[in-house]
């Protein structure tokens, strides 16, 4: 059963139940008041009749005939008013206007005592009576019974009940219409929410709920936030899936070239009558391609390490780290006649030493691939606007403006032929970007073709 229908039925049933109970209480209370009023009236009239009878006849000494004569006159007079009298003396009915009623139904009233009166409401079929008895003479047991027709009181109650049922039927229709529209209006925000949830479930993450109701605004805001988060996460998942697929495609392509080369040269060595010079050249090419594949593997492992490595922030001694890098690259710099300068105004930097060294190593490697023999690489660490900054500058070939935003993606290279010659796999800046993200650092790349490149890493972590 739908919520709006439950609310509709609940309101209708509660309203009608409250109406019936309250009106029944009012009708019943009014009926009891009418009966009490009739009882008081009957007692007063009986008292008047008794006084009048006692002034006209002595019930202890008068004859039965004289008593009958007098009571008969009273009976005729009051009978016209719907009042009936009964006179009982010495276990006999001297006068009885209640012959339509069974005497056993009011027999208890005849046991009334002196100075006490007894009252009884009697249902005589289609008629209802109020009976009051009074003892006139204890000596000969003379009892006067007063009977009033109170059918009008019960008829009035029945008419009220019929009227209430008629009004209840009318009110049921009115309340039903009001309750229906009220329940639909009350549950309208839920219907909107349900529609939005179905849209999200079907894949429409752009759906948003208009916050028109102040009571519903928090729910609508939470739903819109949820839909926005789902939309964002879905886009991120799609982007990651796309990047992963591109990564696999690029990896397959990058692996294919050296493997084809290795396979070709190895077949040449196995099948051809090559000279020693040719064999040496083939082995050198196989070694170069194998070295390239090894570097590709190392970079991929480094990316995996950076992705899964728990970040351990310590105070890294920057001068010591730069000295380590100088010693590590010294043979390469000498071999390629590269001028390398490392300067720092920073003493320490809060970072993960392993990842920070990996980041700088890859930046230097990228510069080595870009500069010609006799070129220059400058590593500088300093503070700017209370933030640690490390930058690597070279005077190499530079990066085209349209490639700067793409260069941090895996397997993206500025000069593919040059990268293959130097053994580059296009993973260096992708690794740098990942390590920077782990440190919540920002990467800025300034480059100009033919003049060189500056890669600047701005850390958000405070310095010791």
Protein backbone atom coordinates (compact mmCIF):
# COMPACT_ATOMS: atom_id res chain seq x y z
CA UNK A 1 0.00 0.00 0.00
CA UNK A 2 1.38 3.40 -0.99
CA UNK A 3 2.24 5.92 1.70
CA UNK A 4 -0.21 8.56 0.47
CA UNK A 5 -3.02 5.96 0.62
CA UNK A 6 -2.04 5.02 4.18
CA UNK A 7 -2.09 8.68 5.20
CA UNK A 8 -5.40 9.19 3.40
CA UNK A 9 -7.08 6.24 5.15
CA UNK A 10 -5.54 7.12 8.51
CA UNK A 11 -6.80 10.71 8.37
CA UNK A 12 -10.24 9.62 7.20
CA UNK A 13 -10.65 6.87 9.80
CA UNK A 14 -9.30 9.04 12.61
CA UNK A 15 -11.56 11.95 11.67
CA UNK A 16 -14.68 9.79 11.35
CA UNK A 17 -13.92 7.89 14.55
CA UNK A 18 -13.42 11.13 16.45
CA UNK A 19 -16.62 12.52 14.94
CA UNK A 20 -18.69 9.45 15.85
CA UNK A 21 -17.37 9.22 19.39
CA UNK A 22 -17.81 12.93 20.13
CA UNK A 23 -21.31 13.16 18.63
CA UNK A 24 -22.39 9.92 20.31
CA UNK A 25 -21.17 11.32 23.61
CA UNK A 26 -23.10 14.57 23.06
CA UNK A 27 -26.29 12.75 22.02
CA UNK A 28 -26.11 10.33 24.92
CA UNK A 29 -25.37 13.14 27.38
CA UNK A 30 -28.30 15.14 26.05
CA UNK A 31 -30.55 12.06 26.25
CA UNK A 32 -29.62 11.46 29.90
CA UNK A 33 -30.27 15.12 30.71
CA UNK A 34 -33.71 14.86 29.10
CA UNK A 35 -34.50 11.74 31.12
CA UNK A 36 -33.37 13.43 34.33
CA UNK A 37 -35.49 16.45 33.50
CA UNK A 38 -38.52 14.22 32.82
CA UNK A 39 -37.88 12.37 36.06
CA UNK A 40 -37.80 15.63 38.01
CA UNK A 41 -40.95 16.76 36.27
CA UNK A 42 -42.71 13.47 36.98
CA UNK A 43 -41.79 13.59 40.67
CA UNK A 44 -43.12 17.13 40.96
CA UNK A 45 -46.37 16.30 39.19
CA UNK A 46 -46.83 13.18 41.31
CA UNK A 47 -46.39 15.30 44.40
CA UNK A 48 -49.08 17.73 43.19
CA UNK A 49 -51.46 14.88 42.36
CA UNK A 50 -50.90 13.30 45.77
CA UNK A 51 -51.57 16.56 47.61
CA UNK A 52 -54.70 17.15 45.55
CA UNK A 53 -56.00 13.59 46.13
CA UNK A 54 -55.34 13.68 49.86
CA UNK A 55 -57.28 16.95 50.11
CA UNK A 56 -60.31 15.32 48.46
CA UNK A 57 -60.33 11.82 49.88
CA UNK A 58 -59.18 9.92 52.95
CA UNK A 59 -57.65 6.68 51.71
CA UNK A 60 -57.85 5.01 55.14
CA UNK A 61 -61.59 5.55 55.74
CA UNK A 62 -63.25 6.34 52.39
CA UNK A 63 -65.10 3.64 50.50
CA UNK A 64 -63.70 2.01 47.42
CA UNK A 65 -66.44 3.51 45.24
CA UNK A 66 -65.76 7.07 46.35
CA UNK A 67 -62.05 6.59 45.82
CA UNK A 68 -62.71 5.18 42.33
CA UNK A 69 -64.96 8.12 41.49
CA UNK A 70 -62.34 10.69 42.46
CA UNK A 71 -59.37 8.89 40.92
CA UNK A 72 -61.35 8.39 37.73
CA UNK A 73 -61.74 12.15 37.35
CA UNK A 74 -58.01 12.63 37.84
CA UNK A 75 -57.29 9.86 35.36
CA UNK A 76 -59.43 11.41 32.64
CA UNK A 77 -57.87 14.83 33.19
CA UNK A 78 -54.25 13.72 33.17
CA UNK A 79 -54.86 11.13 30.46
CA UNK A 80 -55.36 13.95 27.99
CA UNK A 81 -51.78 15.07 28.81
CA UNK A 82 -50.28 11.64 28.21
CA UNK A 83 -50.13 10.87 31.93
CA UNK A 84 -51.59 7.62 33.21
CA UNK A 85 -52.50 6.75 36.82
CA UNK A 86 -52.76 3.50 38.75
CA UNK A 87 -54.12 3.10 42.27
CA UNK A 88 -53.29 -0.04 44.19
CA UNK A 89 -54.87 -0.85 47.58
CA UNK A 90 -54.95 -4.00 49.70
CA UNK A 91 -53.35 -6.08 46.95
CA UNK A 92 -55.98 -4.97 44.42
CA UNK A 93 -55.98 -2.49 41.55
CA UNK A 94 -58.68 0.08 42.28
CA UNK A 95 -57.85 2.09 39.18
CA UNK A 96 -55.57 1.05 36.30
CA UNK A 97 -54.82 2.92 33.08
CA UNK A 98 -51.79 0.72 32.35
CA UNK A 99 -53.65 -2.38 31.18
CA UNK A 100 -51.52 -2.46 27.99
CA UNK A 101 -48.47 -3.18 30.13
CA UNK A 102 -47.68 -6.42 31.84
CA UNK A 103 -48.05 -5.90 35.60
CA UNK A 104 -44.90 -7.92 36.23
CA UNK A 105 -42.84 -5.27 34.41
CA UNK A 106 -43.56 -2.67 37.08
CA UNK A 107 -44.43 -4.91 40.04
CA UNK A 108 -41.32 -3.79 41.97
CA UNK A 109 -42.68 -0.24 42.08
CA UNK A 110 -45.58 -1.46 44.26
CA UNK A 111 -43.15 -2.27 47.06
CA UNK A 112 -42.43 1.41 47.69
CA UNK A 113 -42.13 2.49 51.32
CA UNK A 114 -43.48 5.51 53.15
CA UNK A 115 -41.77 8.84 52.41
CA UNK A 116 -39.83 7.22 49.59
CA UNK A 117 -40.52 7.15 45.90
CA UNK A 118 -39.43 4.71 43.25
CA UNK A 119 -38.72 5.55 39.62
CA UNK A 120 -38.50 3.19 36.65
CA UNK A 121 -38.14 3.69 32.90
CA UNK A 122 -40.19 1.06 31.15
CA UNK A 123 -40.05 -0.05 27.54
CA UNK A 124 -43.53 -1.01 26.45
CA UNK A 125 -42.89 -2.21 22.92
CA UNK A 126 -43.06 0.77 20.62
CA UNK A 127 -43.78 3.06 23.59
CA UNK A 128 -41.60 4.04 26.49
CA UNK A 129 -42.79 5.21 29.89
CA UNK A 130 -41.42 6.76 33.01
CA UNK A 131 -43.14 5.32 36.08
CA UNK A 132 -43.02 6.82 39.59
CA UNK A 133 -44.66 5.22 42.62
CA UNK A 134 -45.58 6.73 46.00
CA UNK A 135 -47.11 5.18 49.13
CA UNK A 136 -50.24 7.17 50.10
CA UNK A 137 -51.35 5.10 53.08
CA UNK A 138 -49.35 2.51 54.91
CA UNK A 139 -52.37 1.18 56.81
CA UNK A 140 -54.23 -0.28 53.85
CA UNK A 141 -51.20 -0.28 51.55
CA UNK A 142 -52.43 2.35 49.09
CA UNK A 143 -49.93 2.99 46.27
CA UNK A 144 -50.29 5.65 43.60
CA UNK A 145 -48.45 4.91 40.34
CA UNK A 146 -47.69 7.78 37.97
CA UNK A 147 -46.86 6.98 34.33
CA UNK A 148 -45.68 9.44 31.70
CA UNK A 149 -45.13 8.73 28.02
CA UNK A 150 -41.49 9.63 27.25
CA UNK A 151 -41.40 8.21 23.74
CA UNK A 152 -40.62 11.68 22.37
CA UNK A 153 -37.29 11.68 24.20
CA UNK A 154 -36.24 8.40 22.57
CA UNK A 155 -37.58 9.50 19.22
CA UNK A 156 -35.53 12.68 19.50
CA UNK A 157 -32.44 10.60 20.23
CA UNK A 158 -33.15 8.30 17.28
CA UNK A 159 -33.64 11.29 15.01
CA UNK A 160 -30.35 12.74 16.21
CA UNK A 161 -28.61 9.43 15.48
CA UNK A 162 -30.11 9.31 11.99
CA UNK A 163 -29.07 12.90 11.41
CA UNK A 164 -25.55 12.13 12.57
CA UNK A 165 -25.32 9.17 10.22
CA UNK A 166 -26.49 11.35 7.35
CA UNK A 167 -24.01 14.07 8.27
CA UNK A 168 -21.30 11.44 8.72
CA UNK A 169 -21.94 10.18 5.21
CA UNK A 170 -21.70 13.70 3.84
CA UNK A 171 -18.64 14.48 5.95
CA UNK A 172 -17.05 11.21 4.84
CA UNK A 173 -17.23 12.39 1.27
CA UNK A 174 -15.95 15.87 2.14
CA UNK A 175 -13.22 14.55 4.44
CA UNK A 176 -12.35 11.91 1.86
CA UNK A 177 -11.77 14.56 -0.81
CA UNK A 178 -9.82 16.81 1.58
CA UNK A 179 -7.79 13.89 2.95
CA UNK A 180 -7.01 12.64 -0.55
CA UNK A 181 -5.60 15.94 -1.77
CA UNK A 182 -3.89 16.63 1.56
CA UNK A 183 -2.17 13.22 1.59
CA UNK A 184 -1.08 13.65 -2.04
CA UNK A 185 0.21 17.13 -1.25
CA UNK A 186 1.94 15.86 1.91
CA UNK A 187 3.68 13.01 0.09
CA UNK A 188 4.47 15.03 -3.05
CA UNK A 189 8.09 15.60 -1.95
CA UNK A 190 8.48 11.85 -1.42
CA UNK A 191 7.06 11.23 -4.89
CA UNK A 192 9.59 13.70 -6.30
CA UNK A 193 12.33 11.98 -4.30
CA UNK A 194 11.19 8.57 -5.56
CA UNK A 195 11.21 9.84 -9.14
CA UNK A 196 14.70 11.21 -8.64
CA UNK A 197 15.90 7.95 -7.06
CA UNK A 198 14.53 5.96 -10.01
CA UNK A 199 16.29 8.33 -12.41
CA UNK A 200 19.58 7.85 -10.56
CA UNK A 201 19.02 4.08 -10.49
CA UNK A 202 18.51 4.11 -14.26
CA UNK A 203 21.77 6.00 -14.78
CA UNK A 204 20.61 9.63 -15.02
CA UNK A 205 22.96 11.20 -12.46
CA UNK A 206 22.23 14.75 -13.61
CA UNK A 207 18.78 14.73 -11.97
CA UNK A 208 18.30 17.29 -9.18
CA UNK A 209 15.38 17.96 -6.84
CA UNK A 210 14.01 21.47 -6.46
CA UNK A 211 14.04 22.48 -2.79
CA UNK A 212 10.63 24.15 -2.48
CA UNK A 213 9.48 22.84 0.91
CA UNK A 214 11.45 23.99 3.95
CA UNK A 215 10.71 20.71 5.77
CA UNK A 216 11.88 18.78 2.74
CA UNK A 217 14.85 20.99 1.92
CA UNK A 218 17.33 19.03 4.04
CA UNK A 219 16.28 15.74 2.41
CA UNK A 220 16.38 17.32 -1.06
CA UNK A 221 19.78 18.82 -0.33
CA UNK A 222 21.09 15.44 0.87
CA UNK A 223 19.66 13.73 -2.23
CA UNK A 224 21.17 16.32 -4.57
CA UNK A 225 24.49 15.97 -2.79
CA UNK A 226 24.28 12.19 -3.11
CA UNK A 227 23.38 12.43 -6.80
CA UNK A 228 26.24 14.87 -7.33
CA UNK A 229 28.68 12.58 -5.54
CA UNK A 230 27.46 9.57 -7.51
CA UNK A 231 27.77 11.57 -10.73
CA UNK A 232 31.27 12.70 -9.83
CA UNK A 233 32.39 9.23 -8.75
CA UNK A 234 30.90 7.72 -11.90
CA UNK A 235 32.77 10.21 -14.06
CA UNK A 236 35.93 9.50 -12.11
CA UNK A 237 35.47 5.76 -12.56
CA UNK A 238 34.86 6.22 -16.28
CA UNK A 239 37.91 8.45 -16.53
CA UNK A 240 40.01 5.94 -14.62
CA UNK A 241 38.74 3.12 -16.82
CA UNK A 242 39.55 5.19 -19.91
CA UNK A 243 43.00 6.07 -18.58
CA UNK A 244 43.63 2.44 -17.63
CA UNK A 245 42.60 1.29 -21.08
CA UNK A 246 44.83 3.93 -22.65
CA UNK A 247 47.63 2.84 -20.32
CA UNK A 248 47.22 -0.80 -21.40
CA UNK A 249 47.06 0.20 -25.07
CA UNK A 250 50.15 2.40 -24.73
CA UNK A 251 51.98 -0.26 -22.74
CA UNK A 252 51.21 -2.85 -25.41
CA UNK A 253 52.46 -0.48 -28.08
CA UNK A 254 55.61 0.41 -26.13
CA UNK A 255 56.38 -3.24 -25.40
CA UNK A 256 55.80 -4.27 -29.01
CA UNK A 257 58.62 -2.12 -30.46
CA UNK A 258 61.52 -3.46 -28.35
CA UNK A 259 60.16 -7.01 -28.44
CA UNK A 260 59.94 -6.89 -32.24
CA UNK A 261 63.47 -5.52 -32.37
CA UNK A 262 64.82 -8.18 -29.99
CA UNK A 263 63.01 -10.93 -31.90
CA UNK A 264 64.32 -9.67 -35.26
CA UNK A 265 67.96 -9.37 -34.16
CA UNK A 266 67.86 -12.71 -32.34
CA UNK A 267 66.50 -14.43 -35.48
CA UNK A 268 69.19 -12.68 -37.51
CA UNK A 269 71.89 -14.01 -35.18
CA UNK A 270 70.45 -17.53 -35.34
CA UNK A 271 69.92 -17.77 -39.08
CA UNK A 272 72.37 -15.47 -40.87
CA UNK A 273 76.05 -15.82 -41.54
CA UNK A 274 76.79 -12.47 -39.98
CA UNK A 275 80.17 -10.89 -39.58
CA UNK A 276 81.55 -10.09 -36.14
CA UNK A 277 80.72 -6.41 -36.64
CA UNK A 278 77.10 -7.24 -37.55
CA UNK A 279 76.82 -9.62 -34.61
CA UNK A 280 78.17 -6.99 -32.23
CA UNK A 281 75.75 -4.37 -33.58
CA UNK A 282 72.83 -6.81 -33.23
CA UNK A 283 73.80 -7.65 -29.65
CA UNK A 284 74.12 -3.95 -28.82
CA UNK A 285 70.62 -3.29 -30.22
CA UNK A 286 69.21 -6.24 -28.26
CA UNK A 287 70.93 -4.89 -25.12
CA UNK A 288 69.52 -1.40 -25.71
CA UNK A 289 65.96 -2.66 -26.19
CA UNK A 290 66.25 -4.99 -23.18
CA UNK A 291 67.56 -2.06 -21.12
CA UNK A 292 64.62 0.03 -22.27
CA UNK A 293 62.17 -2.70 -21.26
CA UNK A 294 63.92 -3.00 -17.92
CA UNK A 295 63.58 0.73 -17.32
CA UNK A 296 59.92 0.54 -18.30
CA UNK A 297 59.45 -2.27 -15.79
CA UNK A 298 61.26 -0.31 -13.06
CA UNK A 299 59.08 2.75 -13.66
CA UNK A 300 55.92 0.68 -13.59
CA UNK A 301 57.02 -0.88 -10.30
CA UNK A 302 57.80 2.59 -8.98
CA UNK A 303 54.30 3.75 -9.93
CA UNK A 304 52.82 0.74 -8.13
CA UNK A 305 55.02 1.45 -5.12
CA UNK A 306 53.95 5.10 -5.04
CA UNK A 307 50.29 4.07 -5.30
CA UNK A 308 50.43 1.51 -2.47
CA UNK A 309 53.16 3.04 -0.31
CA UNK A 310 51.97 4.41 3.05
CA UNK A 311 53.10 8.02 3.25
CA UNK A 312 55.59 8.54 6.10
CA UNK A 313 56.28 12.21 6.68
CA UNK A 314 59.58 13.04 8.34
CA UNK A 315 61.93 16.00 8.32
CA UNK A 316 64.11 15.34 5.29
CA UNK A 317 67.56 16.97 5.28
CA UNK A 318 67.53 18.73 1.91
CA UNK A 319 71.30 19.51 1.56
CA UNK A 320 72.10 15.87 2.34
CA UNK A 321 69.52 14.67 -0.20
CA UNK A 322 70.97 16.92 -2.92
CA UNK A 323 74.47 15.63 -2.21
CA UNK A 324 73.17 12.07 -2.58
CA UNK A 325 71.65 12.93 -5.97
CA UNK A 326 74.89 14.58 -7.12
CA UNK A 327 76.90 11.46 -6.32
CA UNK A 328 74.29 9.20 -7.90
CA UNK A 329 74.24 11.06 -11.23
CA UNK A 330 77.89 12.12 -11.29
CA UNK A 331 79.03 9.41 -13.80
CA UNK A 332 76.15 10.24 -16.13
CA UNK A 333 76.85 13.97 -15.96
CA UNK A 334 80.54 13.37 -16.74
CA UNK A 335 79.72 10.96 -19.58
CA UNK A 336 77.34 13.40 -21.29
CA UNK A 337 79.28 16.53 -20.26
CA UNK A 338 76.26 17.94 -18.40
CA UNK A 339 76.70 20.89 -16.04
CA UNK A 340 74.66 20.15 -12.90
CA UNK A 341 74.02 22.69 -10.15
CA UNK A 342 72.13 21.95 -6.92
CA UNK A 343 71.35 24.84 -4.55
CA UNK A 344 69.06 25.10 -1.53
CA UNK A 345 67.97 27.63 1.05
CA UNK A 346 65.88 24.95 2.73
CA UNK A 347 67.38 22.94 5.54
CA UNK A 348 64.53 20.48 6.02
CA UNK A 349 61.26 19.53 4.37
CA UNK A 350 58.52 17.39 5.87
CA UNK A 351 58.09 14.61 3.31
CA UNK A 352 58.56 10.92 2.63
CA UNK A 353 62.30 10.64 1.90
CA UNK A 354 62.03 7.58 -0.36
CA UNK A 355 59.30 9.12 -2.51
CA UNK A 356 60.94 12.56 -2.52
CA UNK A 357 64.23 11.09 -3.77
CA UNK A 358 62.30 9.11 -6.40
CA UNK A 359 60.54 12.32 -7.52
CA UNK A 360 63.80 14.28 -7.92
CA UNK A 361 65.53 11.35 -9.63
CA UNK A 362 62.81 11.21 -12.28
CA UNK A 363 62.90 14.98 -12.82
CA UNK A 364 66.67 14.84 -13.36
CA UNK A 365 66.28 11.83 -15.68
CA UNK A 366 63.70 13.73 -17.74
CA UNK A 367 66.09 16.68 -18.03
CA UNK A 368 68.91 14.34 -19.06
CA UNK A 369 66.74 13.07 -21.92
CA UNK A 370 65.98 16.64 -23.02
CA UNK A 371 69.44 18.30 -22.96
CA UNK A 372 72.23 17.92 -25.49
CA UNK A 373 75.80 17.11 -24.60
CA UNK A 374 77.27 20.11 -22.81
CA UNK A 375 73.83 21.17 -21.54
CA UNK A 376 72.87 22.42 -18.08
CA UNK A 377 70.56 21.13 -15.33
CA UNK A 378 69.81 23.29 -12.29
CA UNK A 379 68.10 21.93 -9.13
CA UNK A 380 66.94 24.59 -6.70
CA UNK A 381 65.11 24.27 -3.33
CA UNK A 382 63.73 27.38 -1.63
CA UNK A 383 60.79 28.88 0.25
CA UNK A 384 58.11 31.03 -1.36
CA UNK A 385 55.09 32.44 0.49
CA UNK A 386 55.89 30.14 3.42
CA UNK A 387 55.69 27.08 1.17
CA UNK A 388 58.62 24.81 0.26
CA UNK A 389 59.40 24.75 -3.47
CA UNK A 390 61.72 22.44 -5.42
CA UNK A 391 62.34 23.11 -9.08
CA UNK A 392 64.44 21.49 -11.79
CA UNK A 393 65.44 23.62 -14.78
CA UNK A 394 67.20 22.53 -17.97
CA UNK A 395 68.16 24.15 -21.27
CA UNK A 396 66.96 21.21 -23.32
CA UNK A 397 64.61 20.89 -26.26
CA UNK A 398 61.54 22.18 -24.39
CA UNK A 399 57.90 21.13 -24.52
CA UNK A 400 55.21 22.44 -26.91
CA UNK A 401 52.48 24.45 -25.15
CA UNK A 402 49.77 22.02 -26.23
CA UNK A 403 51.68 19.09 -24.71
CA UNK A 404 52.32 20.52 -21.24
CA UNK A 405 49.00 19.34 -19.75
CA UNK A 406 49.38 15.89 -21.35
CA UNK A 407 53.02 15.27 -20.46
CA UNK A 408 52.25 13.96 -16.94
CA UNK A 409 50.20 11.06 -18.35
CA UNK A 410 51.86 7.64 -18.74
CA UNK A 411 53.70 6.98 -22.05
CA UNK A 412 53.26 10.55 -23.27
CA UNK A 413 56.55 11.84 -24.71
CA UNK A 414 57.48 15.07 -26.46
CA UNK A 415 60.02 13.53 -28.86
CA UNK A 416 59.37 9.80 -29.23
CA UNK A 417 62.41 9.11 -31.40
CA UNK A 418 64.70 10.88 -28.94
CA UNK A 419 63.09 9.10 -25.97
CA UNK A 420 63.68 5.72 -27.58
CA UNK A 421 67.32 6.59 -28.20
CA UNK A 422 67.80 7.65 -24.58
CA UNK A 423 65.72 4.78 -23.22
CA UNK A 424 62.81 6.90 -22.02
CA UNK A 425 59.49 5.15 -21.47
CA UNK A 426 57.33 8.22 -20.92
CA UNK A 427 56.57 7.29 -17.30
CA UNK A 428 58.82 9.74 -15.42
CA UNK A 429 56.45 12.69 -15.06
CA UNK A 430 53.50 10.33 -14.42
CA UNK A 431 55.43 9.02 -11.42
CA UNK A 432 56.34 12.57 -10.36
CA UNK A 433 52.67 13.58 -10.56
CA UNK A 434 51.62 10.62 -8.42
CA UNK A 435 54.21 11.37 -5.73
CA UNK A 436 53.23 15.06 -5.74
CA UNK A 437 49.57 14.10 -5.27
CA UNK A 438 50.49 11.96 -2.26
CA UNK A 439 52.23 14.99 -0.71
CA UNK A 440 49.31 17.27 -1.70
CA UNK A 441 51.82 19.25 -3.76
CA UNK A 442 51.20 21.26 -6.93
CA UNK A 443 53.13 20.75 -10.18
CA UNK A 444 53.83 23.76 -12.41
CA UNK A 445 55.58 23.30 -15.77
CA UNK A 446 57.06 26.24 -17.69
CA UNK A 447 58.63 25.41 -21.02
CA UNK A 448 59.59 26.92 -24.35
CA UNK A 449 60.66 24.99 -27.42
CA UNK A 450 64.40 25.20 -28.04
CA UNK A 451 65.10 27.01 -24.75
CA UNK A 452 64.32 24.57 -21.97
CA UNK A 453 61.91 23.52 -19.25
CA UNK A 454 61.33 24.29 -15.57
CA UNK A 455 59.32 21.84 -13.46
CA UNK A 456 58.30 23.38 -10.14
CA UNK A 457 56.91 21.33 -7.19
CA UNK A 458 55.11 23.49 -4.60
CA UNK A 459 54.52 21.61 -1.33
CA UNK A 460 51.60 22.38 0.97
CA UNK A 461 53.26 20.75 4.01
CA UNK A 462 54.81 23.14 6.47
CA UNK A 463 58.54 23.16 7.10
CA UNK A 464 60.12 22.24 10.44
